[in-house]
Amino acid sequence: VVQSLRDEHGSFKHWLDRQTCESLEDWVKLFRATFKFMGPEIVNEFLMSTGYITITHDAGCWLNGKRAR
């Protein structure tokens, strides 16, 4: 699926950048429509690791509120 998105959009990142998701729920709907076995935790971790959403660590953690990029 990632390869077909890459072929169609030039890269997987370009496909992600073109999405207009405003919440985790929107992202989960998009990923569930595109991939298999995509629940909110998997989508959340993927989006945090790629920098599309803010990392949510405990308030005292130095990573709290930072982006992964």
N, C-alpha and C. Protein backbone atom coordinates (compact mmCIF):
# COMPACT_ATOMS: atom_id res chain seq x y z
N VAL A 1 0.82 -1.19 0.00
CA VAL A 1 0.00 0.00 0.00
C VAL A 1 0.87 1.26 0.00
N VAL A 2 1.92 1.25 0.84
CA VAL A 2 2.81 2.41 0.90
C VAL A 2 3.48 2.63 -0.46
N GLN A 3 3.91 1.56 -1.10
CA GLN A 3 4.55 1.69 -2.40
C GLN A 3 3.58 2.24 -3.44
N SER A 4 2.34 1.80 -3.43
CA SER A 4 1.37 2.32 -4.40
C SER A 4 1.07 3.80 -4.14
N LEU A 5 1.01 4.20 -2.84
CA LEU A 5 0.83 5.62 -2.52
C LEU A 5 2.03 6.43 -2.97
N ARG A 6 3.21 5.87 -2.77
CA ARG A 6 4.44 6.55 -3.21
C ARG A 6 4.45 6.72 -4.72
N ASP A 7 4.09 5.66 -5.44
CA ASP A 7 4.06 5.73 -6.90
C ASP A 7 3.05 6.76 -7.40
N GLU A 8 1.92 6.83 -6.73
CA GLU A 8 0.85 7.75 -7.14
C GLU A 8 1.14 9.20 -6.77
N HIS A 9 1.78 9.42 -5.62
CA HIS A 9 1.96 10.78 -5.11
C HIS A 9 3.41 11.25 -5.11
N GLY A 10 4.33 10.46 -5.57
CA GLY A 10 5.74 10.84 -5.59
C GLY A 10 6.50 10.39 -4.36
N SER A 11 5.84 10.31 -3.23
CA SER A 11 6.43 9.77 -2.01
C SER A 11 5.30 9.55 -1.01
N PHE A 12 5.55 8.70 -0.03
CA PHE A 12 4.55 8.47 1.02
C PHE A 12 4.35 9.73 1.83
N LYS A 13 5.44 10.48 2.05
CA LYS A 13 5.35 11.74 2.80
C LYS A 13 4.46 12.75 2.08
N HIS A 14 4.56 12.82 0.76
CA HIS A 14 3.68 13.74 0.02
C HIS A 14 2.22 13.37 0.22
N TRP A 15 1.92 12.07 0.27
CA TRP A 15 0.54 11.64 0.52
C TRP A 15 0.09 12.11 1.89
N LEU A 16 0.95 11.93 2.90
CA LEU A 16 0.61 12.38 4.25
C LEU A 16 0.42 13.89 4.30
N ASP A 17 1.32 14.62 3.64
CA ASP A 17 1.25 16.08 3.65
C ASP A 17 -0.03 16.60 3.00
N ARG A 18 -0.59 15.87 2.08
CA ARG A 18 -1.80 16.32 1.37
C ARG A 18 -3.09 16.05 2.15
N GLN A 19 -3.01 15.34 3.25
CA GLN A 19 -4.20 15.03 4.03
C GLN A 19 -4.61 16.25 4.86
N THR A 20 -5.90 16.36 5.11
CA THR A 20 -6.42 17.51 5.87
C THR A 20 -6.96 17.08 7.22
N CYS A 21 -6.33 16.10 7.81
CA CYS A 21 -6.77 15.59 9.10
C CYS A 21 -6.46 16.60 10.20
N GLU A 22 -7.45 16.88 11.03
CA GLU A 22 -7.28 17.85 12.10
C GLU A 22 -7.24 17.20 13.48
N SER A 23 -7.56 15.93 13.57
CA SER A 23 -7.56 15.25 14.86
C SER A 23 -7.08 13.82 14.68
N LEU A 24 -6.75 13.19 15.79
CA LEU A 24 -6.34 11.78 15.73
C LEU A 24 -7.47 10.93 15.17
N GLU A 25 -8.70 11.24 15.51
CA GLU A 25 -9.84 10.49 14.98
C GLU A 25 -9.88 10.56 13.46
N ASP A 26 -9.60 11.74 12.89
CA ASP A 26 -9.56 11.89 11.42
C ASP A 26 -8.45 11.04 10.82
N TRP A 27 -7.28 11.06 11.48
CA TRP A 27 -6.16 10.26 10.99
C TRP A 27 -6.49 8.78 11.04
N VAL A 28 -7.11 8.33 12.14
CA VAL A 28 -7.47 6.91 12.27
C VAL A 28 -8.43 6.51 11.16
N LYS A 29 -9.44 7.34 10.87
CA LYS A 29 -10.38 7.04 9.78
C LYS A 29 -9.65 6.90 8.45
N LEU A 30 -8.73 7.82 8.20
CA LEU A 30 -7.96 7.78 6.95
C LEU A 30 -7.12 6.51 6.87
N PHE A 31 -6.39 6.20 7.95
CA PHE A 31 -5.52 5.03 7.93
C PHE A 31 -6.34 3.74 7.85
N ARG A 32 -7.46 3.69 8.54
CA ARG A 32 -8.30 2.48 8.47
C ARG A 32 -8.87 2.28 7.08
N ALA A 33 -9.13 3.36 6.37
CA ALA A 33 -9.65 3.26 5.00
C ALA A 33 -8.54 2.85 4.02
N THR A 34 -7.29 3.04 4.41
CA THR A 34 -6.16 2.81 3.51
C THR A 34 -5.40 1.54 3.84
N PHE A 35 -5.24 1.23 5.11
CA PHE A 35 -4.44 0.09 5.57
C PHE A 35 -5.29 -0.87 6.38
N LYS A 36 -4.77 -2.07 6.61
CA LYS A 36 -5.42 -3.04 7.49
C LYS A 36 -4.82 -2.92 8.89
N PHE A 37 -5.57 -3.30 9.89
CA PHE A 37 -5.10 -3.37 11.28
C PHE A 37 -4.58 -2.03 11.80
N MET A 38 -5.30 -0.97 11.55
CA MET A 38 -4.87 0.36 12.00
C MET A 38 -5.82 0.87 13.06
N GLY A 39 -5.41 0.75 14.31
CA GLY A 39 -6.20 1.29 15.41
C GLY A 39 -5.61 2.61 15.87
N PRO A 40 -6.27 3.26 16.81
CA PRO A 40 -5.82 4.58 17.25
C PRO A 40 -4.41 4.60 17.83
N GLU A 41 -4.03 3.56 18.56
CA GLU A 41 -2.69 3.56 19.16
C GLU A 41 -1.61 3.44 18.11
N ILE A 42 -1.80 2.56 17.14
CA ILE A 42 -0.81 2.39 16.07
C ILE A 42 -0.69 3.67 15.26
N VAL A 43 -1.82 4.27 14.89
CA VAL A 43 -1.81 5.51 14.11
C VAL A 43 -1.13 6.62 14.91
N ASN A 44 -1.48 6.75 16.18
CA ASN A 44 -0.89 7.79 17.03
C ASN A 44 0.62 7.64 17.11
N GLU A 45 1.11 6.43 17.36
CA GLU A 45 2.55 6.20 17.46
C GLU A 45 3.25 6.48 16.13
N PHE A 46 2.63 6.08 15.03
CA PHE A 46 3.22 6.34 13.71
C PHE A 46 3.32 7.84 13.46
N LEU A 47 2.24 8.57 13.72
CA LEU A 47 2.23 10.01 13.47
C LEU A 47 3.19 10.75 14.39
N MET A 48 3.35 10.29 15.63
CA MET A 48 4.34 10.91 16.52
C MET A 48 5.75 10.64 16.00
N SER A 49 6.02 9.40 15.56
CA SER A 49 7.36 9.05 15.12
C SER A 49 7.75 9.77 13.83
N THR A 50 6.77 10.18 13.04
CA THR A 50 7.07 10.89 11.79
C THR A 50 6.92 12.39 11.94
N GLY A 51 6.53 12.86 13.12
CA GLY A 51 6.46 14.30 13.38
C GLY A 51 5.18 14.99 12.96
N TYR A 52 4.15 14.23 12.60
CA TYR A 52 2.90 14.84 12.18
C TYR A 52 2.03 15.30 13.34
N ILE A 53 2.26 14.73 14.52
CA ILE A 53 1.57 15.21 15.71
C ILE A 53 2.58 15.34 16.83
N THR A 54 2.25 16.13 17.83
CA THR A 54 3.14 16.40 18.94
C THR A 54 3.29 15.17 19.83
N ILE A 55 4.50 14.94 20.31
CA ILE A 55 4.77 13.84 21.23
C ILE A 55 4.08 14.14 22.55
N THR A 56 3.38 13.15 23.10
CA THR A 56 2.66 13.35 24.35
C THR A 56 3.26 12.51 25.45
N HIS A 57 4.27 13.06 26.10
CA HIS A 57 4.91 12.41 27.25
C HIS A 57 4.36 13.02 28.52
N ASP A 58 4.73 12.48 29.66
CA ASP A 58 4.35 13.05 30.94
C ASP A 58 4.80 14.50 31.01
N ALA A 59 4.11 15.29 31.80
CA ALA A 59 4.38 16.73 31.90
C ALA A 59 5.83 17.04 32.24
N GLY A 60 6.50 16.22 33.06
CA GLY A 60 7.87 16.47 33.45
C GLY A 60 8.93 15.98 32.47
N CYS A 61 8.52 15.26 31.44
CA CYS A 61 9.47 14.69 30.48
C CYS A 61 10.00 15.78 29.54
N TRP A 62 11.27 15.76 29.24
CA TRP A 62 11.88 16.76 28.36
C TRP A 62 11.33 16.67 26.94
N LEU A 63 10.73 15.55 26.55
CA LEU A 63 10.16 15.41 25.20
C LEU A 63 8.72 15.93 25.12
N ASN A 64 8.09 16.22 26.23
CA ASN A 64 6.70 16.65 26.23
C ASN A 64 6.50 17.88 25.35
N GLY A 65 5.57 17.78 24.41
CA GLY A 65 5.23 18.91 23.54
C GLY A 65 6.14 19.12 22.35
N LYS A 66 7.16 18.27 22.19
CA LYS A 66 8.07 18.43 21.06
C LYS A 66 7.61 17.58 19.89
N ARG A 67 8.07 17.93 18.72
CA ARG A 67 7.79 17.14 17.53
C ARG A 67 8.97 16.23 17.27
N ALA A 68 8.74 15.10 16.63
CA ALA A 68 9.79 14.12 16.39
C ALA A 68 10.76 14.56 15.29
N ARG A 69 10.37 15.49 14.46
CA ARG A 69 11.22 15.90 13.33
C ARG A 69 12.41 16.69 13.79
